[in-house]
Amino acid sequence: MADRYLTVAQVAELLGTTGRFPRRLIAERRIVFVKVGRHVRIPESALNAFIDANTGQPIGDRRSSLRRAA
């Protein structure tokens, strides 16, 4: 199955940010991108990998470990 290539504007919309954020990710080489002439495209799989790598997991129920001083 072929990967979809997204524009910077499409990536920004999916992430809920301005276009500046994806451009910064590209400039800092923090996300995979493809340059076609002067156009920059980000593979959809690279965006999903970036999101997965930067997703924090919950610690769990911490209430049981907290004790109240009497």
C-alpha atoms as a PDB file:
ATOM      1  CA  MET A   1       0.000   0.000   0.000  1.00  0.00           C
ATOM      2  CA  ALA A   2       1.398   3.382  -1.018  1.00  0.00           C
ATOM      3  CA  ASP A   3       2.082   5.985   1.641  1.00  0.00           C
ATOM      4  CA  ARG A   4       0.233   9.301   1.440  1.00  0.00           C
ATOM      5  CA  TYR A   5       2.437  12.396   1.321  1.00  0.00           C
ATOM      6  CA  LEU A   6       1.084  15.372   3.236  1.00  0.00           C
ATOM      7  CA  THR A   7       1.810  19.061   2.811  1.00  0.00           C
ATOM      8  CA  VAL A   8       3.027  21.162   5.715  1.00  0.00           C
ATOM      9  CA  ALA A   9      -0.432  22.749   5.941  1.00  0.00           C
ATOM     10  CA  GLN A  10      -2.117  19.327   6.126  1.00  0.00           C
ATOM     11  CA  VAL A  11       0.267  18.181   8.861  1.00  0.00           C
ATOM     12  CA  ALA A  12      -0.353  21.381  10.813  1.00  0.00           C
ATOM     13  CA  GLU A  13      -4.112  20.870  10.551  1.00  0.00           C
ATOM     14  CA  LEU A  14      -3.866  17.236  11.715  1.00  0.00           C
ATOM     15  CA  LEU A  15      -1.704  18.264  14.689  1.00  0.00           C
ATOM     16  CA  GLY A  16      -3.863  21.277  15.492  1.00  0.00           C
ATOM     17  CA  THR A  17      -0.958  23.708  15.183  1.00  0.00           C
ATOM     18  CA  THR A  18       0.190  26.447  12.861  1.00  0.00           C
ATOM     19  CA  GLY A  19       2.396  25.706   9.859  1.00  0.00           C
ATOM     20  CA  ARG A  20       5.406  26.916  11.791  1.00  0.00           C
ATOM     21  CA  PHE A  21       5.551  23.817  14.011  1.00  0.00           C
ATOM     22  CA  PRO A  22       5.892  21.219  11.208  1.00  0.00           C
ATOM     23  CA  ARG A  23       8.431  23.469   9.494  1.00  0.00           C
ATOM     24  CA  ARG A  24      10.460  23.587  12.711  1.00  0.00           C
ATOM     25  CA  LEU A  25      10.309  19.781  12.952  1.00  0.00           C
ATOM     26  CA  ILE A  26      11.659  19.594   9.405  1.00  0.00           C
ATOM     27  CA  ALA A  27      14.395  22.190  10.027  1.00  0.00           C
ATOM     28  CA  GLU A  28      15.528  20.365  13.182  1.00  0.00           C
ATOM     29  CA  ARG A  29      15.369  16.992  11.359  1.00  0.00           C
ATOM     30  CA  ARG A  30      12.975  15.626  13.976  1.00  0.00           C
ATOM     31  CA  ILE A  31      10.595  14.163  11.386  1.00  0.00           C
ATOM     32  CA  VAL A  32      11.117  12.336   8.102  1.00  0.00           C
ATOM     33  CA  PHE A  33      10.352  14.444   5.045  1.00  0.00           C
ATOM     34  CA  VAL A  34      10.687  14.288   1.272  1.00  0.00           C
ATOM     35  CA  LYS A  35      11.715  17.218  -0.882  1.00  0.00           C
ATOM     36  CA  VAL A  36      10.266  17.293  -4.377  1.00  0.00           C
ATOM     37  CA  GLY A  37      11.839  20.275  -6.056  1.00  0.00           C
ATOM     38  CA  ARG A  38      11.055  23.120  -3.696  1.00  0.00           C
ATOM     39  CA  HIS A  39       8.036  21.370  -2.224  1.00  0.00           C
ATOM     40  CA  VAL A  40       8.271  19.548   1.103  1.00  0.00           C
ATOM     41  CA  ARG A  41       6.091  16.546   1.867  1.00  0.00           C
ATOM     42  CA  ILE A  42       5.808  14.423   4.996  1.00  0.00           C
ATOM     43  CA  PRO A  43       4.839  10.763   4.647  1.00  0.00           C
ATOM     44  CA  GLU A  44       1.743   9.910   6.664  1.00  0.00           C
ATOM     45  CA  SER A  45       3.594   6.967   8.229  1.00  0.00           C
ATOM     46  CA  ALA A  46       6.348   9.339   9.438  1.00  0.00           C
ATOM     47  CA  LEU A  47       3.746  11.604  11.044  1.00  0.00           C
ATOM     48  CA  ASN A  48       2.133   8.619  12.789  1.00  0.00           C
ATOM     49  CA  ALA A  49       5.559   7.437  13.991  1.00  0.00           C
ATOM     50  CA  PHE A  50       6.337  10.930  15.325  1.00  0.00           C
ATOM     51  CA  ILE A  51       3.028  11.039  17.203  1.00  0.00           C
ATOM     52  CA  ASP A  52       3.569   7.532  18.634  1.00  0.00           C
ATOM     53  CA  ALA A  53       7.111   8.361  19.749  1.00  0.00           C
ATOM     54  CA  ASN A  54       5.950  11.514  21.540  1.00  0.00           C
ATOM     55  CA  THR A  55       2.825  10.150  23.185  1.00  0.00           C
ATOM     56  CA  GLY A  56       3.060   9.891  26.956  1.00  0.00           C
ATOM     57  CA  GLN A  57       1.482   7.001  28.786  1.00  0.00           C
ATOM     58  CA  PRO A  58      -0.416   7.451  32.060  1.00  0.00           C
ATOM     59  CA  ILE A  59       1.352   6.330  35.204  1.00  0.00           C
ATOM     60  CA  GLY A  60      -1.700   4.690  36.712  1.00  0.00           C
ATOM     61  CA  ASP A  61      -3.668   5.234  39.886  1.00  0.00           C
ATOM     62  CA  ARG A  62      -1.380   7.112  42.243  1.00  0.00           C
ATOM     63  CA  ARG A  63      -4.046   7.605  44.931  1.00  0.00           C
ATOM     64  CA  SER A  64      -3.286   4.278  46.545  1.00  0.00           C
ATOM     65  CA  SER A  65       0.354   5.246  47.045  1.00  0.00           C
ATOM     66  CA  LEU A  66      -0.480   8.610  48.624  1.00  0.00           C
ATOM     67  CA  ARG A  67      -1.142   8.498  52.340  1.00  0.00           C
ATOM     68  CA  ARG A  68      -2.663  11.179  54.413  1.00  0.00           C
ATOM     69  CA  ALA A  69      -0.918  12.314  57.565  1.00  0.00           C
ATOM     70  CA  ALA A  70      -3.207  12.160  60.575  1.00  0.00           C
END
